[in-house]
Amino acid sequence: MKKLLVFAGISAILASCNVNYGSYPGRTSYPSSTSNSGNRANTEREYSELLKTYKPETADVLNDLLNNDDPRNPRTSISVENLSPCNMVLTVSGTNFFKKIPIGSGKVGYTMVPKNQNYRLSGLICNSTYQSTKFVTTSYTIKLSN
């Protein structure tokens, strides 16, 4: 009986904790071109936090690019080269898909996405807003600068 009470007490303490281990930061609204004051600092802060948990899909993206978009593969890659002097966080969202990708200055960020869907790509680059909607059927690459 004593063990049951200890277990119940520990369970109650753990249940009251609101910790988010190993997942990406919560979804935030898309950047707005009308509210750029402080956005660069916010982007740097978000970039630094996201780097702590982000796991790139390097092998999958390279296989996709080297296998010339295998039609049997239900996924394909999106690659973004950041040519600006600022770090950025690219948000990729589509039907049942949402991912934030930290992309350092002069670096390339990438992810795998399901094929044949519309994706909204957005981010803030040195206080310049990037927003685009693309229907992705094969690997897709873009270069962004401020």
N, C-alpha and C. Protein backbone atom coordinates (compact mmCIF):
# COMPACT_ATOMS: atom_id res chain seq x y z
N MET A 1 0.83 -1.19 0.00
CA MET A 1 0.00 0.00 0.00
C MET A 1 0.87 1.26 0.00
N LYS A 2 1.98 1.20 0.76
CA LYS A 2 2.88 2.34 0.85
C LYS A 2 3.49 2.65 -0.52
N LYS A 3 3.85 1.58 -1.27
CA LYS A 3 4.43 1.77 -2.60
C LYS A 3 3.41 2.42 -3.55
N LEU A 4 2.15 2.03 -3.40
CA LEU A 4 1.10 2.59 -4.25
C LEU A 4 0.94 4.09 -3.99
N LEU A 5 0.98 4.51 -2.73
CA LEU A 5 0.88 5.93 -2.40
C LEU A 5 2.07 6.72 -2.93
N VAL A 6 3.29 6.15 -2.81
CA VAL A 6 4.48 6.82 -3.35
C VAL A 6 4.36 6.95 -4.86
N PHE A 7 3.95 5.88 -5.52
CA PHE A 7 3.78 5.90 -6.98
C PHE A 7 2.75 6.94 -7.39
N ALA A 8 1.62 6.99 -6.67
CA ALA A 8 0.57 7.97 -6.98
C ALA A 8 1.08 9.39 -6.79
N GLY A 9 1.87 9.62 -5.74
CA GLY A 9 2.43 10.95 -5.49
C GLY A 9 3.39 11.38 -6.58
N ILE A 10 4.28 10.47 -6.97
CA ILE A 10 5.23 10.77 -8.05
C ILE A 10 4.50 11.02 -9.35
N SER A 11 3.48 10.22 -9.64
CA SER A 11 2.68 10.39 -10.86
C SER A 11 2.01 11.75 -10.88
N ALA A 12 1.48 12.19 -9.74
CA ALA A 12 0.82 13.49 -9.67
C ALA A 12 1.81 14.62 -9.92
N ILE A 13 3.01 14.50 -9.37
CA ILE A 13 4.04 15.53 -9.57
C ILE A 13 4.45 15.58 -11.04
N LEU A 14 4.68 14.42 -11.64
CA LEU A 14 5.08 14.39 -13.05
C LEU A 14 3.98 14.90 -13.96
N ALA A 15 2.74 14.58 -13.64
CA ALA A 15 1.62 15.03 -14.46
C ALA A 15 1.46 16.54 -14.42
N SER A 16 1.89 17.17 -13.31
CA SER A 16 1.75 18.62 -13.20
C SER A 16 2.85 19.38 -13.93
N CYS A 17 3.92 18.67 -14.32
CA CYS A 17 5.01 19.31 -15.05
C CYS A 17 4.59 19.53 -16.49
N ASN A 18 4.91 20.69 -17.01
CA ASN A 18 4.58 21.01 -18.39
C ASN A 18 5.88 21.15 -19.16
N VAL A 19 6.48 20.02 -19.54
CA VAL A 19 7.76 20.02 -20.22
C VAL A 19 7.58 19.43 -21.60
N ASN A 20 8.26 19.99 -22.59
CA ASN A 20 8.15 19.55 -23.96
C ASN A 20 9.50 19.03 -24.42
N TYR A 21 9.82 17.77 -24.11
CA TYR A 21 11.12 17.22 -24.44
C TYR A 21 11.19 16.79 -25.90
N GLY A 22 12.26 17.16 -26.59
CA GLY A 22 12.60 16.62 -27.89
C GLY A 22 11.70 17.01 -29.04
N SER A 23 10.81 17.94 -28.90
CA SER A 23 9.97 18.32 -30.03
C SER A 23 10.32 19.74 -30.44
N TYR A 24 9.82 20.14 -31.59
CA TYR A 24 10.11 21.47 -32.09
C TYR A 24 9.28 22.50 -31.35
N PRO A 25 9.75 23.73 -31.33
CA PRO A 25 8.98 24.79 -30.68
C PRO A 25 7.59 24.89 -31.30
N GLY A 26 6.67 25.40 -30.52
CA GLY A 26 5.29 25.50 -30.97
C GLY A 26 5.13 26.34 -32.21
N ARG A 27 4.04 26.13 -32.90
CA ARG A 27 3.76 26.84 -34.14
C ARG A 27 3.48 28.30 -33.82
N THR A 28 4.12 29.17 -34.57
CA THR A 28 3.89 30.60 -34.40
C THR A 28 3.32 31.15 -35.69
N SER A 29 2.81 32.37 -35.64
CA SER A 29 2.24 32.96 -36.83
C SER A 29 3.34 33.29 -37.83
N TYR A 30 2.93 33.45 -39.08
CA TYR A 30 3.87 33.79 -40.13
C TYR A 30 4.34 35.22 -39.94
N PRO A 31 5.58 35.52 -40.36
CA PRO A 31 6.08 36.89 -40.21
C PRO A 31 5.22 37.88 -40.98
N SER A 32 5.09 39.05 -40.46
CA SER A 32 4.32 40.09 -41.10
C SER A 32 5.25 41.22 -41.50
N SER A 33 5.10 41.72 -42.72
CA SER A 33 5.97 42.79 -43.19
C SER A 33 5.67 44.11 -42.49
N THR A 34 4.55 44.20 -41.77
CA THR A 34 4.21 45.45 -41.10
C THR A 34 4.76 45.52 -39.70
N SER A 35 5.29 44.43 -39.15
CA SER A 35 5.79 44.45 -37.77
C SER A 35 7.23 43.96 -37.71
N ASN A 36 8.14 44.68 -38.36
CA ASN A 36 9.53 44.24 -38.42
C ASN A 36 10.38 44.68 -37.24
N SER A 37 9.87 45.57 -36.38
CA SER A 37 10.69 46.03 -35.26
C SER A 37 10.93 44.87 -34.30
N GLY A 38 12.20 44.55 -34.11
CA GLY A 38 12.56 43.47 -33.22
C GLY A 38 12.48 42.09 -33.83
N ASN A 39 11.99 41.97 -35.05
CA ASN A 39 11.85 40.65 -35.67
C ASN A 39 13.19 39.99 -35.93
N ARG A 40 14.21 40.77 -36.25
CA ARG A 40 15.53 40.17 -36.52
C ARG A 40 16.07 39.53 -35.24
N ALA A 41 15.90 40.20 -34.12
CA ALA A 41 16.34 39.64 -32.84
C ALA A 41 15.52 38.40 -32.50
N ASN A 42 14.22 38.44 -32.76
CA ASN A 42 13.37 37.27 -32.52
C ASN A 42 13.77 36.10 -33.40
N THR A 43 14.11 36.38 -34.65
CA THR A 43 14.54 35.33 -35.57
C THR A 43 15.85 34.71 -35.09
N GLU A 44 16.79 35.53 -34.63
CA GLU A 44 18.06 35.01 -34.11
C GLU A 44 17.82 34.13 -32.88
N ARG A 45 16.93 34.56 -32.02
CA ARG A 45 16.60 33.78 -30.81
C ARG A 45 15.95 32.45 -31.20
N GLU A 46 15.00 32.49 -32.13
CA GLU A 46 14.33 31.27 -32.59
C GLU A 46 15.32 30.34 -33.30
N TYR A 47 16.20 30.92 -34.11
CA TYR A 47 17.23 30.14 -34.81
C TYR A 47 18.11 29.40 -33.80
N SER A 48 18.58 30.10 -32.78
CA SER A 48 19.45 29.50 -31.77
C SER A 48 18.74 28.38 -31.00
N GLU A 49 17.50 28.60 -30.64
CA GLU A 49 16.73 27.58 -29.91
C GLU A 49 16.45 26.36 -30.79
N LEU A 50 16.11 26.60 -32.04
CA LEU A 50 15.78 25.51 -32.96
C LEU A 50 17.00 24.64 -33.26
N LEU A 51 18.18 25.25 -33.32
CA LEU A 51 19.41 24.50 -33.57
C LEU A 51 19.66 23.43 -32.51
N LYS A 52 19.18 23.65 -31.31
CA LYS A 52 19.40 22.71 -30.21
C LYS A 52 18.69 21.38 -30.43
N THR A 53 17.57 21.38 -31.14
CA THR A 53 16.76 20.16 -31.30
C THR A 53 16.63 19.71 -32.75
N TYR A 54 17.05 20.53 -33.71
CA TYR A 54 16.83 20.22 -35.12
C TYR A 54 17.70 19.05 -35.58
N LYS A 55 17.08 18.14 -36.30
CA LYS A 55 17.79 16.99 -36.87
C LYS A 55 17.62 17.02 -38.39
N PRO A 56 18.68 17.38 -39.13
CA PRO A 56 18.56 17.43 -40.59
C PRO A 56 18.39 16.05 -41.20
N GLU A 57 17.75 16.01 -42.35
CA GLU A 57 17.49 14.76 -43.06
C GLU A 57 18.48 14.60 -44.22
N THR A 58 19.75 14.73 -43.92
CA THR A 58 20.79 14.76 -44.94
C THR A 58 20.78 13.54 -45.85
N ALA A 59 20.78 12.35 -45.29
CA ALA A 59 20.84 11.13 -46.09
C ALA A 59 19.64 11.01 -47.02
N ASP A 60 18.43 11.28 -46.50
CA ASP A 60 17.23 11.18 -47.32
C ASP A 60 17.24 12.19 -48.47
N VAL A 61 17.68 13.42 -48.17
CA VAL A 61 17.71 14.46 -49.21
C VAL A 61 18.74 14.11 -50.28
N LEU A 62 19.93 13.66 -49.87
CA LEU A 62 20.95 13.28 -50.85
C LEU A 62 20.48 12.11 -51.71
N ASN A 63 19.86 11.11 -51.10
CA ASN A 63 19.31 10.00 -51.89
C ASN A 63 18.28 10.48 -52.89
N ASP A 64 17.43 11.41 -52.48
CA ASP A 64 16.42 11.95 -53.38
C ASP A 64 17.07 12.67 -54.55
N LEU A 65 18.07 13.50 -54.27
CA LEU A 65 18.72 14.26 -55.34
C LEU A 65 19.53 13.36 -56.26
N LEU A 66 20.21 12.35 -55.71
CA LEU A 66 21.05 11.46 -56.52
C LEU A 66 20.25 10.43 -57.31
N ASN A 67 19.07 10.09 -56.83
CA ASN A 67 18.24 9.11 -57.53
C ASN A 67 17.26 9.75 -58.50
N ASN A 68 17.48 11.02 -58.80
CA ASN A 68 16.68 11.73 -59.79
C ASN A 68 15.18 11.60 -59.57
N ASP A 69 14.75 11.88 -58.37
CA ASP A 69 13.32 11.87 -58.05
C ASP A 69 12.64 10.57 -58.42
N ASP A 70 13.05 9.49 -57.81
CA ASP A 70 12.47 8.17 -58.01
C ASP A 70 10.94 8.26 -57.94
N PRO A 71 10.23 7.91 -59.02
CA PRO A 71 8.77 8.05 -59.02
C PRO A 71 8.08 7.15 -57.99
N ARG A 72 8.76 6.12 -57.53
CA ARG A 72 8.17 5.23 -56.52
C ARG A 72 8.23 5.82 -55.12
N ASN A 73 9.10 6.80 -54.91
CA ASN A 73 9.24 7.42 -53.60
C ASN A 73 8.10 8.44 -53.41
N PRO A 74 7.31 8.31 -52.35
CA PRO A 74 6.20 9.24 -52.13
C PRO A 74 6.65 10.60 -51.60
N ARG A 75 7.95 10.75 -51.31
CA ARG A 75 8.47 12.01 -50.78
C ARG A 75 9.54 12.57 -51.70
N THR A 76 9.74 13.88 -51.60
CA THR A 76 10.79 14.56 -52.35
C THR A 76 11.38 15.64 -51.46
N SER A 77 12.41 16.32 -51.96
CA SER A 77 13.13 17.28 -51.12
C SER A 77 12.85 18.73 -51.50
N ILE A 78 12.94 19.58 -50.49
CA ILE A 78 12.95 21.03 -50.66
C ILE A 78 14.26 21.51 -50.07
N SER A 79 15.04 22.25 -50.87
CA SER A 79 16.33 22.81 -50.41
C SER A 79 16.30 24.32 -50.57
N VAL A 80 16.81 25.02 -49.56
CA VAL A 80 16.83 26.48 -49.58
C VAL A 80 18.23 26.94 -49.22
N GLU A 81 18.84 27.73 -50.11
CA GLU A 81 20.16 28.29 -49.85
C GLU A 81 19.98 29.73 -49.35
N ASN A 82 20.54 30.02 -48.19
CA ASN A 82 20.46 31.35 -47.59
C ASN A 82 21.70 32.14 -47.98
N LEU A 83 21.56 33.04 -48.94
CA LEU A 83 22.68 33.85 -49.42
C LEU A 83 22.82 35.17 -48.67
N SER A 84 21.98 35.40 -47.67
CA SER A 84 22.01 36.66 -46.92
C SER A 84 23.07 36.60 -45.82
N PRO A 85 23.40 37.77 -45.23
CA PRO A 85 24.34 37.78 -44.11
C PRO A 85 23.67 37.46 -42.77
N CYS A 86 22.39 37.08 -42.79
CA CYS A 86 21.64 36.83 -41.56
C CYS A 86 21.18 35.37 -41.49
N ASN A 87 21.11 34.85 -40.27
CA ASN A 87 20.50 33.54 -40.06
C ASN A 87 19.00 33.67 -40.25
N MET A 88 18.36 32.57 -40.61
CA MET A 88 16.92 32.61 -40.80
C MET A 88 16.29 31.31 -40.32
N VAL A 89 14.98 31.35 -40.13
CA VAL A 89 14.19 30.15 -39.85
C VAL A 89 13.14 30.08 -40.95
N LEU A 90 13.19 29.01 -41.74
CA LEU A 90 12.23 28.80 -42.81
C LEU A 90 11.11 27.91 -42.28
N THR A 91 9.88 28.34 -42.48
CA THR A 91 8.73 27.54 -42.10
C THR A 91 8.15 26.91 -43.37
N VAL A 92 8.00 25.59 -43.35
CA VAL A 92 7.41 24.86 -44.47
C VAL A 92 6.14 24.22 -43.93
N SER A 93 5.00 24.57 -44.52
CA SER A 93 3.74 23.99 -44.05
C SER A 93 2.88 23.57 -45.23
N GLY A 94 2.19 22.46 -45.04
CA GLY A 94 1.29 21.92 -46.04
C GLY A 94 0.27 21.04 -45.35
N THR A 95 -0.50 20.29 -46.12
CA THR A 95 -1.49 19.39 -45.55
C THR A 95 -0.79 18.35 -44.70
N ASN A 96 -1.11 18.32 -43.42
CA ASN A 96 -0.51 17.38 -42.47
C ASN A 96 1.01 17.46 -42.42
N PHE A 97 1.59 18.63 -42.68
CA PHE A 97 3.03 18.81 -42.64
C PHE A 97 3.35 20.19 -42.10
N PHE A 98 4.26 20.26 -41.14
CA PHE A 98 4.73 21.54 -40.60
C PHE A 98 6.14 21.34 -40.09
N LYS A 99 7.06 22.19 -40.55
CA LYS A 99 8.44 22.07 -40.09
C LYS A 99 9.11 23.43 -40.14
N LYS A 100 9.93 23.70 -39.13
CA LYS A 100 10.76 24.90 -39.10
C LYS A 100 12.20 24.45 -39.29
N ILE A 101 12.89 25.11 -40.21
CA ILE A 101 14.25 24.74 -40.56
C ILE A 101 15.19 25.91 -40.28
N PRO A 102 16.16 25.75 -39.38
CA PRO A 102 17.13 26.82 -39.15
C PRO A 102 18.17 26.80 -40.29
N ILE A 103 18.38 27.96 -40.90
CA ILE A 103 19.34 28.04 -41.99
C ILE A 103 20.30 29.19 -41.70
N GLY A 104 21.56 28.86 -41.45
CA GLY A 104 22.56 29.86 -41.15
C GLY A 104 22.92 30.68 -42.39
N SER A 105 23.53 31.82 -42.16
CA SER A 105 23.99 32.68 -43.24
C SER A 105 24.96 31.91 -44.13
N GLY A 106 24.69 31.90 -45.44
CA GLY A 106 25.55 31.21 -46.39
C GLY A 106 25.40 29.70 -46.39
N LYS A 107 24.41 29.17 -45.70
CA LYS A 107 24.21 27.72 -45.59
C LYS A 107 22.97 27.28 -46.37
N VAL A 108 22.82 25.96 -46.48
CA VAL A 108 21.66 25.36 -47.15
C VAL A 108 20.85 24.58 -46.13
N GLY A 109 19.54 24.79 -46.13
CA GLY A 109 18.62 24.04 -45.30
C GLY A 109 17.75 23.18 -46.20
N TYR A 110 17.28 22.06 -45.68
CA TYR A 110 16.52 21.13 -46.52
C TYR A 110 15.63 20.26 -45.67
N THR A 111 14.63 19.70 -46.33
CA THR A 111 13.72 18.76 -45.68
C THR A 111 13.08 17.88 -46.75
N MET A 112 12.54 16.78 -46.30
CA MET A 112 11.77 15.89 -47.17
C MET A 112 10.29 16.17 -46.91
N VAL A 113 9.50 16.21 -48.00
CA VAL A 113 8.07 16.47 -47.90
C VAL A 113 7.32 15.47 -48.79
N PRO A 114 6.06 15.20 -48.46
CA PRO A 114 5.26 14.37 -49.36
C PRO A 114 5.07 15.07 -50.71
N LYS A 115 5.12 14.29 -51.80
CA LYS A 115 4.98 14.85 -53.16
C LYS A 115 3.53 15.26 -53.45
N ASN A 116 3.40 16.06 -54.49
CA ASN A 116 2.11 16.46 -55.06
C ASN A 116 1.21 17.18 -54.06
N GLN A 117 1.79 18.14 -53.39
CA GLN A 117 1.04 18.96 -52.44
C GLN A 117 1.49 20.41 -52.54
N ASN A 118 0.61 21.32 -52.12
CA ASN A 118 0.96 22.72 -51.99
C ASN A 118 1.66 22.93 -50.67
N TYR A 119 2.74 23.71 -50.69
CA TYR A 119 3.47 24.06 -49.48
C TYR A 119 3.63 25.56 -49.40
N ARG A 120 3.46 26.07 -48.21
CA ARG A 120 3.71 27.49 -47.97
C ARG A 120 5.08 27.58 -47.34
N LEU A 121 5.95 28.36 -47.96
CA LEU A 121 7.31 28.60 -47.45
C LEU A 121 7.34 30.04 -46.97
N SER A 122 7.84 30.24 -45.76
CA SER A 122 7.92 31.62 -45.26
C SER A 122 9.07 31.75 -44.28
N GLY A 123 9.57 32.97 -44.18
CA GLY A 123 10.66 33.25 -43.26
C GLY A 123 11.00 34.72 -43.29
N LEU A 124 11.87 35.10 -42.38
CA LEU A 124 12.33 36.48 -42.29
C LEU A 124 13.83 36.48 -42.51
N ILE A 125 14.29 37.25 -43.51
CA ILE A 125 15.71 37.32 -43.84
C ILE A 125 16.15 38.77 -43.66
N CYS A 126 16.92 39.03 -42.63
CA CYS A 126 17.41 40.40 -42.37
C CYS A 126 16.28 41.42 -42.42
N ASN A 127 15.16 41.15 -41.78
CA ASN A 127 13.96 41.99 -41.75
C ASN A 127 13.22 42.07 -43.08
N SER A 128 13.56 41.23 -44.04
CA SER A 128 12.79 41.12 -45.27
C SER A 128 11.97 39.84 -45.19
N THR A 129 10.70 39.94 -45.49
CA THR A 129 9.81 38.80 -45.40
C THR A 129 9.81 38.02 -46.71
N TYR A 130 9.93 36.70 -46.59
CA TYR A 130 9.79 35.82 -47.75
C TYR A 130 8.56 34.96 -47.51
N GLN A 131 7.65 34.94 -48.49
CA GLN A 131 6.48 34.08 -48.45
C GLN A 131 6.20 33.59 -49.85
N SER A 132 5.96 32.30 -49.97
CA SER A 132 5.68 31.73 -51.28
C SER A 132 4.85 30.46 -51.10
N THR A 133 4.02 30.17 -52.08
CA THR A 133 3.28 28.91 -52.09
C THR A 133 3.69 28.16 -53.35
N LYS A 134 4.10 26.92 -53.18
CA LYS A 134 4.58 26.10 -54.31
C LYS A 134 3.89 24.75 -54.29
N PHE A 135 3.52 24.27 -55.47
CA PHE A 135 3.03 22.90 -55.61
C PHE A 135 4.26 22.05 -55.92
N VAL A 136 4.61 21.14 -55.02
CA VAL A 136 5.86 20.39 -55.13
C VAL A 136 5.58 18.97 -55.64
N THR A 137 6.17 18.66 -56.80
CA THR A 137 6.03 17.32 -57.39
C THR A 137 7.37 16.60 -57.46
N THR A 138 8.46 17.38 -57.56
CA THR A 138 9.81 16.83 -57.61
C THR A 138 10.69 17.71 -56.72
N SER A 139 11.96 17.35 -56.59
CA SER A 139 12.85 18.13 -55.72
C SER A 139 12.81 19.60 -56.14
N TYR A 140 12.84 20.46 -55.15
CA TYR A 140 12.66 21.89 -55.36
C TYR A 140 13.78 22.62 -54.63
N THR A 141 14.48 23.52 -55.33
CA THR A 141 15.58 24.27 -54.75
C THR A 141 15.40 25.75 -55.02
N ILE A 142 15.63 26.56 -53.99
CA ILE A 142 15.58 28.02 -54.17
C ILE A 142 16.76 28.65 -53.45
N LYS A 143 17.11 29.86 -53.90
CA LYS A 143 18.16 30.66 -53.27
C LYS A 143 17.52 31.95 -52.80
N LEU A 144 17.77 32.30 -51.54
CA LEU A 144 17.20 33.51 -50.96
C LEU A 144 18.29 34.45 -50.52
N SER A 145 18.09 35.75 -50.74
CA SER A 145 18.99 36.78 -50.25
C SER A 145 18.16 37.97 -49.82
N ASN A 146 18.77 38.87 -49.07
CA ASN A 146 18.00 40.03 -48.61
C ASN A 146 18.02 41.14 -49.61
